[in-house]
Amino acid sequence: MTGRIAFQGEPGAYSHQAIHDARPGFEALPCATFEEAIEAVQSGRADQAMLPVENTTYGRVADIHRLLPQSGLHIVDEVFVRVHINLMAVPGAQLSDIREAHSHLVLLPQCAGFLRKHQIKGCVSPDNARAARDVATWGDRTKAALASELAAEIYGLDILARHIEDQDTNTTRFLIMAREPEMARRGDHMMTTFVFRVRNIPAALYKAMGGFATNGVNMTKLESYMVDGSFTATQFYADIEGHPEDANVKLALEELAYFTSFLKILGTYPAASVRD
């Protein structure tokens, strides 16, 4: 499989690492924002987009749930990437030389134990890949970056310490988006993602969810978020196991539709192997 896949961030970002791992035949297209990555697919400059949706440490990625339903794109796959953080510096630098480690605000606390042990000051950078690029540009042996192994490769840095994160469970889930849906069943374990708003009637959400319970459909995620800047307009984002053509899923979605004012399927795709 080949093509071009857009991502938010600079070369070497963890989204780029996800492309490197899950879509090795694709050319990666860096974009400044999530909106730009989505637009790249809409306009045909890219065939797909790799978008992070949630992280085991920091939860939901801001704005993604709002952007997905408006994008007109479809989820065609999911990818889980372990976030391994590495300390990297210019060639010739030693761990004992490092006085500052630069990275994104969310990465620094994840390495607090390592930085404290080695008396290294954490410094905030707009992006972890940007930090790697800056360290390469500065050429200062006392400055390092916390980033992916791919960033070290791209910017010609030496990795002084690998996998220095304090927790060994930090994982980001990505969704791969495309212009056209892939509704065909592509495995025994399928996932379906959709968004909906419930009707303004008593216990509407409770009744809407009842169809999944009675039909034995496993809902792996249900999140709410405000829409249109209103405290009274709430939209729900859900992941379920199964395909819309499965008899039990079909019945559950029909019952859901009865209690909702808006329902949109964002995609049906194979479950990532880590789910099994």
C-alpha atoms as a PDB file:
ATOM      1  CA  MET A   1       0.000   0.000   0.000  1.00  0.00           C
ATOM      2  CA  THR A   2       1.378   3.398  -0.995  1.00  0.00           C
ATOM      3  CA  GLY A   3       0.206   6.992  -1.037  1.00  0.00           C
ATOM      4  CA  ARG A   4       0.536  10.131   1.019  1.00  0.00           C
ATOM      5  CA  ILE A   5      -0.706  10.476   4.585  1.00  0.00           C
ATOM      6  CA  ALA A   6      -1.031  13.804   6.421  1.00  0.00           C
ATOM      7  CA  PHE A   7      -0.309  14.367  10.095  1.00  0.00           C
ATOM      8  CA  GLN A   8      -0.194  17.279  12.521  1.00  0.00           C
ATOM      9  CA  GLY A   9       3.288  18.208  13.644  1.00  0.00           C
ATOM     10  CA  GLU A  10       6.847  18.405  12.402  1.00  0.00           C
ATOM     11  CA  PRO A  11       8.849  15.523  10.937  1.00  0.00           C
ATOM     12  CA  GLY A  12       9.714  13.164  13.763  1.00  0.00           C
ATOM     13  CA  ALA A  13       6.544  13.822  15.795  1.00  0.00           C
ATOM     14  CA  TYR A  14       4.819  10.819  17.352  1.00  0.00           C
ATOM     15  CA  SER A  15       2.122  11.032  14.670  1.00  0.00           C
ATOM     16  CA  HIS A  16       4.936  10.659  12.137  1.00  0.00           C
ATOM     17  CA  GLN A  17       6.208   7.685  14.140  1.00  0.00           C
ATOM     18  CA  ALA A  18       2.704   6.165  13.885  1.00  0.00           C
ATOM     19  CA  ILE A  19       2.844   6.512  10.095  1.00  0.00           C
ATOM     20  CA  HIS A  20       6.334   5.024  10.040  1.00  0.00           C
ATOM     21  CA  ASP A  21       5.113   1.998  12.034  1.00  0.00           C
ATOM     22  CA  ALA A  22       1.635   1.442  10.573  1.00  0.00           C
ATOM     23  CA  ARG A  23       1.882   2.808   7.010  1.00  0.00           C
ATOM     24  CA  PRO A  24       5.547   2.297   6.044  1.00  0.00           C
ATOM     25  CA  GLY A  25       4.789   2.536   2.325  1.00  0.00           C
ATOM     26  CA  PHE A  26       3.236   5.990   2.641  1.00  0.00           C
ATOM     27  CA  GLU A  27       4.876   9.375   2.177  1.00  0.00           C
ATOM     28  CA  ALA A  28       4.303  11.483   5.313  1.00  0.00           C
ATOM     29  CA  LEU A  29       2.957  15.025   4.857  1.00  0.00           C
ATOM     30  CA  PRO A  30       3.561  17.278   7.896  1.00  0.00           C
ATOM     31  CA  CYS A  31       0.881  19.880   8.641  1.00  0.00           C
ATOM     32  CA  ALA A  32       0.792  22.739  11.136  1.00  0.00           C
ATOM     33  CA  THR A  33      -2.680  21.955  12.520  1.00  0.00           C
ATOM     34  CA  PHE A  34      -5.254  19.154  12.644  1.00  0.00           C
ATOM     35  CA  GLU A  35      -7.476  21.269  10.376  1.00  0.00           C
ATOM     36  CA  GLU A  36      -4.691  21.473   7.793  1.00  0.00           C
ATOM     37  CA  ALA A  37      -4.152  17.706   7.911  1.00  0.00           C
ATOM     38  CA  ILE A  38      -7.878  17.144   7.344  1.00  0.00           C
ATOM     39  CA  GLU A  39      -7.954  19.701   4.515  1.00  0.00           C
ATOM     40  CA  ALA A  40      -5.032  17.940   2.840  1.00  0.00           C
ATOM     41  CA  VAL A  41      -7.188  14.820   2.500  1.00  0.00           C
ATOM     42  CA  GLN A  42     -10.297  16.761   1.499  1.00  0.00           C
ATOM     43  CA  SER A  43      -8.405  18.520  -1.298  1.00  0.00           C
ATOM     44  CA  GLY A  44      -6.625  15.397  -2.510  1.00  0.00           C
ATOM     45  CA  ARG A  45      -3.115  16.525  -1.489  1.00  0.00           C
ATOM     46  CA  ALA A  46      -3.070  13.458   0.775  1.00  0.00           C
ATOM     47  CA  ASP A  47      -4.824  10.111   0.572  1.00  0.00           C
ATOM     48  CA  GLN A  48      -5.271   9.672   4.330  1.00  0.00           C
ATOM     49  CA  ALA A  49      -4.723  11.471   7.630  1.00  0.00           C
ATOM     50  CA  MET A  50      -3.255  10.053  10.846  1.00  0.00           C
ATOM     51  CA  LEU A  51      -5.041  11.759  13.736  1.00  0.00           C
ATOM     52  CA  PRO A  52      -4.495  11.104  17.466  1.00  0.00           C
ATOM     53  CA  VAL A  53      -7.732  10.815  19.438  1.00  0.00           C
ATOM     54  CA  GLU A  54      -6.740   9.721  22.933  1.00  0.00           C
ATOM     55  CA  ASN A  55      -3.821   8.929  25.190  1.00  0.00           C
ATOM     56  CA  THR A  56      -3.738   6.627  28.209  1.00  0.00           C
ATOM     57  CA  THR A  57      -2.034   9.303  30.317  1.00  0.00           C
ATOM     58  CA  TYR A  58      -3.713  12.520  29.170  1.00  0.00           C
ATOM     59  CA  GLY A  59      -7.088  11.330  27.880  1.00  0.00           C
ATOM     60  CA  ARG A  60      -8.879  12.827  24.890  1.00  0.00           C
ATOM     61  CA  VAL A  61      -6.936  14.929  22.399  1.00  0.00           C
ATOM     62  CA  ALA A  62      -8.463  18.416  22.386  1.00  0.00           C
ATOM     63  CA  ASP A  63     -10.691  19.387  19.427  1.00  0.00           C
ATOM     64  CA  ILE A  64     -10.509  16.047  17.612  1.00  0.00           C
ATOM     65  CA  HIS A  65     -14.049  14.943  18.519  1.00  0.00           C
ATOM     66  CA  ARG A  66     -15.359  18.294  17.278  1.00  0.00           C
ATOM     67  CA  LEU A  67     -13.397  18.129  14.022  1.00  0.00           C
ATOM     68  CA  LEU A  68     -14.152  14.537  12.973  1.00  0.00           C
ATOM     69  CA  PRO A  69     -17.922  14.844  12.332  1.00  0.00           C
ATOM     70  CA  GLN A  70     -17.414  18.093  10.395  1.00  0.00           C
ATOM     71  CA  SER A  71     -14.553  16.803   8.275  1.00  0.00           C
ATOM     72  CA  GLY A  72     -16.556  14.716   5.831  1.00  0.00           C
ATOM     73  CA  LEU A  73     -13.845  12.069   6.157  1.00  0.00           C
ATOM     74  CA  HIS A  74     -14.281   8.458   7.241  1.00  0.00           C
ATOM     75  CA  ILE A  75     -12.379   6.301   9.712  1.00  0.00           C
ATOM     76  CA  VAL A  76     -10.790   3.392   7.862  1.00  0.00           C
ATOM     77  CA  ASP A  77      -8.364   2.068  10.484  1.00  0.00           C
ATOM     78  CA  GLU A  78      -7.031   2.513  14.015  1.00  0.00           C
ATOM     79  CA  VAL A  79      -3.454   2.387  15.303  1.00  0.00           C
ATOM     80  CA  PHE A  80      -2.098   2.157  18.850  1.00  0.00           C
ATOM     81  CA  VAL A  81       1.428   3.496  19.413  1.00  0.00           C
ATOM     82  CA  ARG A  82       3.466   3.106  22.583  1.00  0.00           C
ATOM     83  CA  VAL A  83       4.964   6.487  23.376  1.00  0.00           C
ATOM     84  CA  HIS A  84       8.630   5.744  24.025  1.00  0.00           C
ATOM     85  CA  ILE A  85      10.528   8.861  25.093  1.00  0.00           C
ATOM     86  CA  ASN A  86      14.225   9.114  24.321  1.00  0.00           C
ATOM     87  CA  LEU A  87      16.885  11.606  25.381  1.00  0.00           C
ATOM     88  CA  MET A  88      18.883  12.771  22.355  1.00  0.00           C
ATOM     89  CA  ALA A  89      21.667  15.268  21.750  1.00  0.00           C
ATOM     90  CA  VAL A  90      24.233  16.293  19.158  1.00  0.00           C
ATOM     91  CA  PRO A  91      26.837  13.684  18.193  1.00  0.00           C
ATOM     92  CA  GLY A  92      29.647  13.469  20.709  1.00  0.00           C
ATOM     93  CA  ALA A  93      27.576  14.579  23.692  1.00  0.00           C
ATOM     94  CA  GLN A  94      27.495  12.369  26.789  1.00  0.00           C
ATOM     95  CA  LEU A  95      24.702  11.973  29.298  1.00  0.00           C
ATOM     96  CA  SER A  96      26.870  13.708  31.896  1.00  0.00           C
ATOM     97  CA  ASP A  97      27.068  16.793  29.625  1.00  0.00           C
ATOM     98  CA  ILE A  98      23.319  17.410  29.528  1.00  0.00           C
ATOM     99  CA  ARG A  99      21.934  20.294  31.587  1.00  0.00           C
ATOM    100  CA  GLU A 100      18.639  20.972  29.747  1.00  0.00           C
ATOM    101  CA  ALA A 101      16.071  18.694  28.095  1.00  0.00           C
ATOM    102  CA  HIS A 102      13.607  20.342  25.708  1.00  0.00           C
ATOM    103  CA  SER A 103      10.225  18.881  24.759  1.00  0.00           C
ATOM    104  CA  HIS A 104       6.489  19.440  24.640  1.00  0.00           C
ATOM    105  CA  LEU A 105       4.795  20.351  27.899  1.00  0.00           C
ATOM    106  CA  VAL A 106       2.983  16.993  28.150  1.00  0.00           C
ATOM    107  CA  LEU A 107       6.159  14.927  27.711  1.00  0.00           C
ATOM    108  CA  LEU A 108       8.302  16.571  30.391  1.00  0.00           C
ATOM    109  CA  PRO A 109       6.311  15.304  33.422  1.00  0.00           C
ATOM    110  CA  GLN A 110       6.408  11.785  32.004  1.00  0.00           C
ATOM    111  CA  CYS A 111      10.203  11.761  32.444  1.00  0.00           C
ATOM    112  CA  ALA A 112      10.326  13.615  35.757  1.00  0.00           C
ATOM    113  CA  GLY A 113      12.061  10.765  37.590  1.00  0.00           C
ATOM    114  CA  PHE A 114      14.812  10.420  34.995  1.00  0.00           C
ATOM    115  CA  LEU A 115      15.406  14.173  34.750  1.00  0.00           C
ATOM    116  CA  ARG A 116      15.552  14.539  38.531  1.00  0.00           C
ATOM    117  CA  LYS A 117      17.978  11.641  38.880  1.00  0.00           C
ATOM    118  CA  HIS A 118      20.381  13.171  36.363  1.00  0.00           C
ATOM    119  CA  GLN A 119      19.829  16.776  37.509  1.00  0.00           C
ATOM    120  CA  ILE A 120      18.548  17.854  34.094  1.00  0.00           C
ATOM    121  CA  LYS A 121      16.254  20.884  33.794  1.00  0.00           C
ATOM    122  CA  GLY A 122      13.114  20.378  31.716  1.00  0.00           C
ATOM    123  CA  CYS A 123      12.426  23.160  29.188  1.00  0.00           C
ATOM    124  CA  VAL A 124       9.145  23.564  27.298  1.00  0.00           C
ATOM    125  CA  SER A 125       9.144  23.448  23.499  1.00  0.00           C
ATOM    126  CA  PRO A 126       6.118  23.833  21.167  1.00  0.00           C
ATOM    127  CA  ASP A 127       6.603  20.281  19.896  1.00  0.00           C
ATOM    128  CA  ASN A 128       8.873  17.345  20.672  1.00  0.00           C
ATOM    129  CA  ALA A 129      10.061  17.083  17.072  1.00  0.00           C
ATOM    130  CA  ARG A 130      10.681  20.841  17.043  1.00  0.00           C
ATOM    131  CA  ALA A 131      12.804  20.369  20.163  1.00  0.00           C
ATOM    132  CA  ALA A 132      14.910  17.774  18.333  1.00  0.00           C
ATOM    133  CA  ARG A 133      15.336  20.106  15.360  1.00  0.00           C
ATOM    134  CA  ASP A 134      16.316  22.987  17.651  1.00  0.00           C
ATOM    135  CA  VAL A 135      18.889  20.884  19.519  1.00  0.00           C
ATOM    136  CA  ALA A 136      20.443  19.873  16.192  1.00  0.00           C
ATOM    137  CA  THR A 137      20.551  23.531  15.117  1.00  0.00           C
ATOM    138  CA  TRP A 138      22.024  24.830  18.380  1.00  0.00           C
ATOM    139  CA  GLY A 139      24.902  22.349  18.379  1.00  0.00           C
ATOM    140  CA  ASP A 140      25.234  22.717  22.152  1.00  0.00           C
ATOM    141  CA  ARG A 141      26.321  19.551  23.968  1.00  0.00           C
ATOM    142  CA  THR A 142      24.572  20.661  27.169  1.00  0.00           C
ATOM    143  CA  LYS A 143      21.125  20.715  25.531  1.00  0.00           C
ATOM    144  CA  ALA A 144      19.041  17.644  24.688  1.00  0.00           C
ATOM    145  CA  ALA A 145      15.582  16.826  23.382  1.00  0.00           C
ATOM    146  CA  LEU A 146      12.958  14.341  24.527  1.00  0.00           C
ATOM    147  CA  ALA A 147      11.415  12.827  21.425  1.00  0.00           C
ATOM    148  CA  SER A 148      10.880   9.739  19.279  1.00  0.00           C
ATOM    149  CA  GLU A 149      13.626   7.574  17.825  1.00  0.00           C
ATOM    150  CA  LEU A 150      12.470   8.715  14.404  1.00  0.00           C
ATOM    151  CA  ALA A 151      13.203  12.338  15.372  1.00  0.00           C
ATOM    152  CA  ALA A 152      16.765  11.389  16.304  1.00  0.00           C
ATOM    153  CA  GLU A 153      17.188   9.708  12.930  1.00  0.00           C
ATOM    154  CA  ILE A 154      15.763  12.653  10.989  1.00  0.00           C
ATOM    155  CA  TYR A 155      17.806  15.360  12.740  1.00  0.00           C
ATOM    156  CA  GLY A 156      21.051  13.414  13.079  1.00  0.00           C
ATOM    157  CA  LEU A 157      21.063  13.226  16.882  1.00  0.00           C
ATOM    158  CA  ASP A 158      22.556  10.559  19.127  1.00  0.00           C
ATOM    159  CA  ILE A 159      20.211   8.804  21.556  1.00  0.00           C
ATOM    160  CA  LEU A 160      21.816   8.985  24.992  1.00  0.00           C
ATOM    161  CA  ALA A 161      19.026   7.140  26.843  1.00  0.00           C
ATOM    162  CA  ARG A 162      16.084   5.158  25.464  1.00  0.00           C
ATOM    163  CA  HIS A 163      12.593   4.649  26.869  1.00  0.00           C
ATOM    164  CA  ILE A 164      13.051   6.938  29.861  1.00  0.00           C
ATOM    165  CA  GLU A 165       9.331   7.503  30.544  1.00  0.00           C
ATOM    166  CA  ASP A 166       8.317   6.924  34.168  1.00  0.00           C
ATOM    167  CA  GLN A 167       5.276   4.827  33.194  1.00  0.00           C
ATOM    168  CA  ASP A 168       5.530   1.908  30.777  1.00  0.00           C
ATOM    169  CA  THR A 169       1.872   2.045  29.696  1.00  0.00           C
ATOM    170  CA  ASN A 170       1.733   5.386  27.882  1.00  0.00           C
ATOM    171  CA  THR A 171      -0.062   4.684  24.586  1.00  0.00           C
ATOM    172  CA  THR A 172      -1.751   6.909  22.000  1.00  0.00           C
ATOM    173  CA  ARG A 173      -4.622   5.770  19.826  1.00  0.00           C
ATOM    174  CA  PHE A 174      -4.731   7.147  16.284  1.00  0.00           C
ATOM    175  CA  LEU A 175      -7.521   7.043  13.712  1.00  0.00           C
ATOM    176  CA  ILE A 176      -6.711   6.858  10.012  1.00  0.00           C
ATOM    177  CA  MET A 177      -9.131   8.966   7.972  1.00  0.00           C
ATOM    178  CA  ALA A 178      -9.901   8.839   4.233  1.00  0.00           C
ATOM    179  CA  ARG A 179     -12.264  10.517   1.773  1.00  0.00           C
ATOM    180  CA  GLU A 180     -14.209   7.329   1.054  1.00  0.00           C
ATOM    181  CA  PRO A 181     -15.519   4.841   3.638  1.00  0.00           C
ATOM    182  CA  GLU A 182     -14.397   1.213   3.648  1.00  0.00           C
ATOM    183  CA  MET A 183     -17.542  -0.511   4.840  1.00  0.00           C
ATOM    184  CA  ALA A 184     -16.608  -4.015   3.721  1.00  0.00           C
ATOM    185  CA  ARG A 185     -15.864  -6.440   6.532  1.00  0.00           C
ATOM    186  CA  ARG A 186     -12.064  -6.744   6.780  1.00  0.00           C
ATOM    187  CA  GLY A 187     -11.717  -9.165   9.657  1.00  0.00           C
ATOM    188  CA  ASP A 188     -13.578 -11.025  12.371  1.00  0.00           C
ATOM    189  CA  HIS A 189     -13.209  -8.217  14.935  1.00  0.00           C
ATOM    190  CA  MET A 190     -14.641  -4.965  13.599  1.00  0.00           C
ATOM    191  CA  MET A 191     -15.214  -1.600  15.272  1.00  0.00           C
ATOM    192  CA  THR A 192     -17.804   1.060  14.471  1.00  0.00           C
ATOM    193  CA  THR A 193     -17.569   4.700  15.550  1.00  0.00           C
ATOM    194  CA  PHE A 194     -20.450   7.160  15.503  1.00  0.00           C
ATOM    195  CA  VAL A 195     -21.680  10.439  16.989  1.00  0.00           C
ATOM    196  CA  PHE A 196     -25.220  11.253  18.088  1.00  0.00           C
ATOM    197  CA  ARG A 197     -27.453  13.683  19.950  1.00  0.00           C
ATOM    198  CA  VAL A 198     -30.395  12.447  21.996  1.00  0.00           C
ATOM    199  CA  ARG A 199     -33.920  13.779  21.678  1.00  0.00           C
ATOM    200  CA  ASN A 200     -35.152  16.185  24.344  1.00  0.00           C
ATOM    201  CA  ILE A 201     -37.244  13.656  26.245  1.00  0.00           C
ATOM    202  CA  PRO A 202     -36.856  12.236  29.782  1.00  0.00           C
ATOM    203  CA  ALA A 203     -34.232   9.474  30.134  1.00  0.00           C
ATOM    204  CA  ALA A 204     -33.423   9.660  26.414  1.00  0.00           C
ATOM    205  CA  LEU A 205     -29.768   8.658  26.857  1.00  0.00           C
ATOM    206  CA  TYR A 206     -30.691   5.764  29.147  1.00  0.00           C
ATOM    207  CA  LYS A 207     -33.238   4.500  26.611  1.00  0.00           C
ATOM    208  CA  ALA A 208     -30.861   5.014  23.681  1.00  0.00           C
ATOM    209  CA  MET A 209     -28.177   2.933  25.371  1.00  0.00           C
ATOM    210  CA  GLY A 210     -30.614   0.179  26.278  1.00  0.00           C
ATOM    211  CA  GLY A 211     -30.570  -1.231  22.759  1.00  0.00           C
ATOM    212  CA  PHE A 212     -26.868  -2.018  22.975  1.00  0.00           C
ATOM    213  CA  ALA A 213     -27.292  -3.866  26.261  1.00  0.00           C
ATOM    214  CA  THR A 214     -30.308  -5.910  25.190  1.00  0.00           C
ATOM    215  CA  ASN A 215     -28.693  -6.851  21.875  1.00  0.00           C
ATOM    216  CA  GLY A 216     -25.341  -7.794  23.407  1.00  0.00           C
ATOM    217  CA  VAL A 217     -23.290  -5.083  21.697  1.00  0.00           C
ATOM    218  CA  ASN A 218     -20.146  -4.082  23.585  1.00  0.00           C
ATOM    219  CA  MET A 219     -19.655  -0.313  23.770  1.00  0.00           C
ATOM    220  CA  THR A 220     -15.972   0.379  24.413  1.00  0.00           C
ATOM    221  CA  LYS A 221     -16.212   4.168  24.577  1.00  0.00           C
ATOM    222  CA  LEU A 222     -18.879   6.789  25.241  1.00  0.00           C
ATOM    223  CA  GLU A 223     -17.908  10.440  25.666  1.00  0.00           C
ATOM    224  CA  SER A 224     -19.927  13.636  25.720  1.00  0.00           C
ATOM    225  CA  TYR A 225     -18.873  17.105  24.620  1.00  0.00           C
ATOM    226  CA  MET A 226     -20.582  20.438  24.074  1.00  0.00           C
ATOM    227  CA  VAL A 227     -21.425  21.679  20.583  1.00  0.00           C
ATOM    228  CA  ASP A 228     -22.147  25.141  19.211  1.00  0.00           C
ATOM    229  CA  GLY A 229     -20.821  26.750  22.393  1.00  0.00           C
ATOM    230  CA  SER A 230     -23.937  25.821  24.336  1.00  0.00           C
ATOM    231  CA  PHE A 231     -24.222  24.168  27.749  1.00  0.00           C
ATOM    232  CA  THR A 232     -27.505  22.566  26.668  1.00  0.00           C
ATOM    233  CA  ALA A 233     -26.371  21.103  23.326  1.00  0.00           C
ATOM    234  CA  THR A 234     -24.468  17.886  23.987  1.00  0.00           C
ATOM    235  CA  GLN A 235     -23.133  15.452  21.432  1.00  0.00           C
ATOM    236  CA  PHE A 236     -21.923  11.943  22.202  1.00  0.00           C
ATOM    237  CA  TYR A 237     -19.041  10.042  20.632  1.00  0.00           C
ATOM    238  CA  ALA A 238     -19.128   6.240  20.792  1.00  0.00           C
ATOM    239  CA  ASP A 239     -17.102   3.195  19.765  1.00  0.00           C
ATOM    240  CA  ILE A 240     -18.748  -0.210  19.609  1.00  0.00           C
ATOM    241  CA  GLU A 241     -17.542  -3.678  18.682  1.00  0.00           C
ATOM    242  CA  GLY A 242     -19.167  -5.026  15.547  1.00  0.00           C
ATOM    243  CA  HIS A 243     -20.222  -4.091  12.013  1.00  0.00           C
ATOM    244  CA  PRO A 244     -23.462  -2.237  11.116  1.00  0.00           C
ATOM    245  CA  GLU A 245     -24.533  -5.268   9.088  1.00  0.00           C
ATOM    246  CA  ASP A 246     -24.313  -7.567  12.125  1.00  0.00           C
ATOM    247  CA  ALA A 247     -27.861  -8.420  13.187  1.00  0.00           C
ATOM    248  CA  ASN A 248     -27.408  -7.314  16.790  1.00  0.00           C
ATOM    249  CA  VAL A 249     -25.597  -4.094  15.840  1.00  0.00           C
ATOM    250  CA  LYS A 250     -28.270  -3.263  13.288  1.00  0.00           C
ATOM    251  CA  LEU A 251     -31.028  -3.651  15.896  1.00  0.00           C
ATOM    252  CA  ALA A 252     -29.108  -1.559  18.443  1.00  0.00           C
ATOM    253  CA  LEU A 253     -28.537   1.262  15.947  1.00  0.00           C
ATOM    254  CA  GLU A 254     -32.204   1.218  14.928  1.00  0.00           C
ATOM    255  CA  GLU A 255     -33.223   1.629  18.569  1.00  0.00           C
ATOM    256  CA  LEU A 256     -30.620   4.359  19.022  1.00  0.00           C
ATOM    257  CA  ALA A 257     -31.984   6.245  15.997  1.00  0.00           C
ATOM    258  CA  TYR A 258     -35.456   6.324  17.550  1.00  0.00           C
ATOM    259  CA  PHE A 259     -34.177   8.275  20.570  1.00  0.00           C
ATOM    260  CA  THR A 260     -31.766  10.583  18.746  1.00  0.00           C
ATOM    261  CA  SER A 261     -32.147  13.808  16.771  1.00  0.00           C
ATOM    262  CA  PHE A 262     -28.832  13.263  14.986  1.00  0.00           C
ATOM    263  CA  LEU A 263     -26.824  10.103  14.268  1.00  0.00           C
ATOM    264  CA  LYS A 264     -23.771   9.812  12.033  1.00  0.00           C
ATOM    265  CA  ILE A 265     -21.487   6.816  11.543  1.00  0.00           C
ATOM    266  CA  LEU A 266     -17.901   8.018  11.198  1.00  0.00           C
ATOM    267  CA  GLY A 267     -16.448   4.698  10.144  1.00  0.00           C
ATOM    268  CA  THR A 268     -16.278   0.928  10.360  1.00  0.00           C
ATOM    269  CA  TYR A 269     -12.803  -0.570  10.536  1.00  0.00           C
ATOM    270  CA  PRO A 270     -10.829  -3.596  11.787  1.00  0.00           C
ATOM    271  CA  ALA A 271     -10.034  -3.594  15.510  1.00  0.00           C
ATOM    272  CA  ALA A 272      -6.336  -3.156  16.202  1.00  0.00           C
ATOM    273  CA  SER A 273      -4.629  -6.347  17.339  1.00  0.00           C
ATOM    274  CA  VAL A 274      -3.899  -4.875  20.786  1.00  0.00           C
ATOM    275  CA  ARG A 275      -7.622  -5.079  21.539  1.00  0.00           C
ATOM    276  CA  ASP A 276      -7.397  -8.870  21.407  1.00  0.00           C
END
